[in-house]
Amino acid sequence: MAKRTASAKKQARAGARRAIRNRSTKSEVKTMITKARVGLRAGGGDAAESTVEAIRALDRAAAKRILHRNNAARRKSRLARRLAKVGAAGATPSGAAAQPGGRADKGKKASSSASSSPAKKK
């Protein structure tokens, strides 16, 4: 059995407190994502709003490092794709559908001009 200093014991207690707090936040985020998916599947008017709330919760969890930023980005992307699919099939509120997928065309102009300027090497 390894010796544990007082500071290591205190850090273990603090880690246990953080784990409990993080677990509740993760559970809350998962619940919001599930509600958003069910709402999108049902196609109700509240679907876009619940999706935006779930995306905000994912952003908050990633900012607090409860979820890894790539994990949050992947989940947000999946929700945004489902929202776009529902938006294409039916009517959605005008402002809500634009927010999750609003960054789709950002940077297209810069990448097309950058690809034509480099000279060929032989």
C-alpha atoms as a PDB file:
ATOM      1  CA  MET A   1       0.000   0.000   0.000  1.00  0.00           C
ATOM      2  CA  ALA A   2       1.428   3.326  -1.039  1.00  0.00           C
ATOM      3  CA  LYS A   3       1.804   6.147   1.434  1.00  0.00           C
ATOM      4  CA  ARG A   4      -0.514   9.059   0.859  1.00  0.00           C
ATOM      5  CA  THR A   5       0.307  12.539   1.984  1.00  0.00           C
ATOM      6  CA  ALA A   6      -2.268  14.898   3.433  1.00  0.00           C
ATOM      7  CA  SER A   7      -2.348  16.893   0.186  1.00  0.00           C
ATOM      8  CA  ALA A   8      -2.950  13.709  -1.852  1.00  0.00           C
ATOM      9  CA  LYS A   9      -5.821  12.743   0.450  1.00  0.00           C
ATOM     10  CA  LYS A  10      -7.315  16.224   0.121  1.00  0.00           C
ATOM     11  CA  GLN A  11      -6.991  16.062  -3.680  1.00  0.00           C
ATOM     12  CA  ALA A  12      -8.756  12.681  -3.679  1.00  0.00           C
ATOM     13  CA  ARG A  13     -11.650  14.157  -1.677  1.00  0.00           C
ATOM     14  CA  ALA A  14     -11.870  17.134  -4.037  1.00  0.00           C
ATOM     15  CA  GLY A  15     -11.809  14.786  -7.028  1.00  0.00           C
ATOM     16  CA  ALA A  16     -14.692  12.786  -5.579  1.00  0.00           C
ATOM     17  CA  ARG A  17     -16.727  15.997  -5.131  1.00  0.00           C
ATOM     18  CA  ARG A  18     -16.003  17.049  -8.711  1.00  0.00           C
ATOM     19  CA  ALA A  19     -16.951  13.592 -10.010  1.00  0.00           C
ATOM     20  CA  ILE A  20     -20.372  13.837  -8.339  1.00  0.00           C
ATOM     21  CA  ARG A  21     -20.948  17.333  -9.737  1.00  0.00           C
ATOM     22  CA  ASN A  22     -19.739  16.332 -13.212  1.00  0.00           C
ATOM     23  CA  ARG A  23     -21.936  13.228 -13.192  1.00  0.00           C
ATOM     24  CA  SER A  24     -25.063  15.292 -12.581  1.00  0.00           C
ATOM     25  CA  THR A  25     -24.126  17.758 -15.341  1.00  0.00           C
ATOM     26  CA  LYS A  26     -23.434  14.932 -17.811  1.00  0.00           C
ATOM     27  CA  SER A  27     -26.778  13.371 -16.948  1.00  0.00           C
ATOM     28  CA  GLU A  28     -28.557  16.689 -17.481  1.00  0.00           C
ATOM     29  CA  VAL A  29     -26.878  17.128 -20.887  1.00  0.00           C
ATOM     30  CA  LYS A  30     -27.825  13.596 -21.941  1.00  0.00           C
ATOM     31  CA  THR A  31     -31.427  14.204 -20.909  1.00  0.00           C
ATOM     32  CA  MET A  32     -31.565  17.426 -22.946  1.00  0.00           C
ATOM     33  CA  ILE A  33     -30.126  15.642 -25.989  1.00  0.00           C
ATOM     34  CA  THR A  34     -32.695  12.854 -25.653  1.00  0.00           C
ATOM     35  CA  LYS A  35     -35.547  15.372 -25.383  1.00  0.00           C
ATOM     36  CA  ALA A  36     -34.251  17.195 -28.464  1.00  0.00           C
ATOM     37  CA  ARG A  37     -34.040  13.937 -30.460  1.00  0.00           C
ATOM     38  CA  VAL A  38     -37.560  12.914 -29.440  1.00  0.00           C
ATOM     39  CA  GLY A  39     -38.845  16.381 -30.319  1.00  0.00           C
ATOM     40  CA  LEU A  40     -37.151  16.282 -33.706  1.00  0.00           C
ATOM     41  CA  ARG A  41     -38.546  12.826 -34.385  1.00  0.00           C
ATOM     42  CA  ALA A  42     -42.059  13.958 -33.451  1.00  0.00           C
ATOM     43  CA  GLY A  43     -41.666  17.157 -35.466  1.00  0.00           C
ATOM     44  CA  GLY A  44     -43.331  19.442 -32.927  1.00  0.00           C
ATOM     45  CA  GLY A  45     -42.912  23.194 -32.860  1.00  0.00           C
ATOM     46  CA  ASP A  46     -40.785  22.939 -29.708  1.00  0.00           C
ATOM     47  CA  ALA A  47     -38.173  20.743 -31.441  1.00  0.00           C
ATOM     48  CA  ALA A  48     -35.927  23.574 -32.608  1.00  0.00           C
ATOM     49  CA  GLU A  49     -36.011  25.255 -29.205  1.00  0.00           C
ATOM     50  CA  SER A  50     -35.139  22.044 -27.341  1.00  0.00           C
ATOM     51  CA  THR A  51     -32.309  21.393 -29.818  1.00  0.00           C
ATOM     52  CA  VAL A  52     -30.856  24.860 -29.233  1.00  0.00           C
ATOM     53  CA  GLU A  53     -31.084  24.317 -25.453  1.00  0.00           C
ATOM     54  CA  ALA A  54     -29.261  20.986 -25.790  1.00  0.00           C
ATOM     55  CA  ILE A  55     -26.542  22.643 -27.879  1.00  0.00           C
ATOM     56  CA  ARG A  56     -26.130  25.364 -25.245  1.00  0.00           C
ATOM     57  CA  ALA A  57     -25.842  22.730 -22.523  1.00  0.00           C
ATOM     58  CA  LEU A  58     -23.161  20.932 -24.548  1.00  0.00           C
ATOM     59  CA  ASP A  59     -21.255  24.206 -24.967  1.00  0.00           C
ATOM     60  CA  ARG A  60     -21.402  24.881 -21.220  1.00  0.00           C
ATOM     61  CA  ALA A  61     -20.221  21.363 -20.370  1.00  0.00           C
ATOM     62  CA  ALA A  62     -17.330  21.669 -22.826  1.00  0.00           C
ATOM     63  CA  ALA A  63     -16.380  25.093 -21.460  1.00  0.00           C
ATOM     64  CA  LYS A  64     -16.221  23.666 -17.941  1.00  0.00           C
ATOM     65  CA  ARG A  65     -14.257  20.677 -19.301  1.00  0.00           C
ATOM     66  CA  ILE A  66     -16.873  18.229 -18.091  1.00  0.00           C
ATOM     67  CA  LEU A  67     -17.069  16.916 -21.654  1.00  0.00           C
ATOM     68  CA  HIS A  68     -14.179  16.938 -24.091  1.00  0.00           C
ATOM     69  CA  ARG A  69     -14.623  19.684 -26.677  1.00  0.00           C
ATOM     70  CA  ASN A  70     -14.510  17.201 -29.579  1.00  0.00           C
ATOM     71  CA  ASN A  71     -17.173  15.052 -27.897  1.00  0.00           C
ATOM     72  CA  ALA A  72     -19.406  18.101 -27.489  1.00  0.00           C
ATOM     73  CA  ALA A  73     -18.739  19.191 -31.075  1.00  0.00           C
ATOM     74  CA  ARG A  74     -19.641  15.733 -32.398  1.00  0.00           C
ATOM     75  CA  ARG A  75     -22.918  15.676 -30.466  1.00  0.00           C
ATOM     76  CA  LYS A  76     -23.771  19.228 -31.560  1.00  0.00           C
ATOM     77  CA  SER A  77     -23.076  18.308 -35.168  1.00  0.00           C
ATOM     78  CA  ARG A  78     -25.399  15.311 -34.977  1.00  0.00           C
ATOM     79  CA  LEU A  79     -28.173  17.406 -33.466  1.00  0.00           C
ATOM     80  CA  ALA A  80     -27.685  20.144 -36.066  1.00  0.00           C
ATOM     81  CA  ARG A  81     -27.864  17.581 -38.884  1.00  0.00           C
ATOM     82  CA  ARG A  82     -31.125  16.197 -37.519  1.00  0.00           C
ATOM     83  CA  LEU A  83     -32.504  19.720 -37.135  1.00  0.00           C
ATOM     84  CA  ALA A  84     -31.511  20.580 -40.717  1.00  0.00           C
ATOM     85  CA  LYS A  85     -33.148  17.394 -41.980  1.00  0.00           C
ATOM     86  CA  VAL A  86     -36.378  18.257 -40.173  1.00  0.00           C
ATOM     87  CA  GLY A  87     -36.100  21.866 -41.375  1.00  0.00           C
ATOM     88  CA  ALA A  88     -35.741  20.729 -44.976  1.00  0.00           C
ATOM     89  CA  ALA A  89     -38.729  18.377 -44.658  1.00  0.00           C
ATOM     90  CA  GLY A  90     -41.041  20.748 -42.788  1.00  0.00           C
ATOM     91  CA  ALA A  91     -41.369  24.237 -41.406  1.00  0.00           C
ATOM     92  CA  THR A  92     -39.122  25.453 -38.573  1.00  0.00           C
ATOM     93  CA  PRO A  93     -38.923  28.831 -36.831  1.00  0.00           C
ATOM     94  CA  SER A  94     -36.818  31.209 -38.931  1.00  0.00           C
ATOM     95  CA  GLY A  95     -34.106  32.057 -36.381  1.00  0.00           C
ATOM     96  CA  ALA A  96     -33.669  28.723 -34.616  1.00  0.00           C
ATOM     97  CA  ALA A  97     -32.553  26.611 -37.579  1.00  0.00           C
ATOM     98  CA  ALA A  98     -29.921  29.105 -38.674  1.00  0.00           C
ATOM     99  CA  GLN A  99     -28.013  29.174 -35.381  1.00  0.00           C
ATOM    100  CA  PRO A 100     -26.715  25.572 -35.039  1.00  0.00           C
ATOM    101  CA  GLY A 101     -25.582  25.267 -38.665  1.00  0.00           C
ATOM    102  CA  GLY A 102     -24.737  28.920 -39.261  1.00  0.00           C
ATOM    103  CA  ARG A 103     -21.016  28.323 -39.669  1.00  0.00           C
ATOM    104  CA  ALA A 104     -21.260  26.018 -42.686  1.00  0.00           C
ATOM    105  CA  ASP A 105     -20.022  28.411 -45.378  1.00  0.00           C
ATOM    106  CA  LYS A 106     -17.517  30.302 -43.219  1.00  0.00           C
ATOM    107  CA  GLY A 107     -14.078  30.234 -44.810  1.00  0.00           C
ATOM    108  CA  LYS A 108     -15.039  28.909 -48.257  1.00  0.00           C
ATOM    109  CA  LYS A 109     -13.871  32.067 -49.997  1.00  0.00           C
ATOM    110  CA  ALA A 110     -10.447  32.007 -48.333  1.00  0.00           C
ATOM    111  CA  SER A 111      -9.795  28.337 -49.117  1.00  0.00           C
ATOM    112  CA  SER A 112     -10.658  28.669 -52.825  1.00  0.00           C
ATOM    113  CA  SER A 113      -8.333  31.647 -53.335  1.00  0.00           C
ATOM    114  CA  ALA A 114      -5.525  30.007 -51.362  1.00  0.00           C
ATOM    115  CA  SER A 115      -5.633  26.849 -53.491  1.00  0.00           C
ATOM    116  CA  SER A 116      -5.130  28.751 -56.760  1.00  0.00           C
ATOM    117  CA  SER A 117      -2.171  30.905 -55.650  1.00  0.00           C
ATOM    118  CA  PRO A 118       0.582  28.347 -54.806  1.00  0.00           C
ATOM    119  CA  ALA A 119       2.943  27.685 -57.691  1.00  0.00           C
ATOM    120  CA  LYS A 120       3.585  24.167 -58.936  1.00  0.00           C
ATOM    121  CA  LYS A 121       6.900  22.515 -58.104  1.00  0.00           C
ATOM    122  CA  LYS A 122       8.681  20.283 -60.594  1.00  0.00           C
END
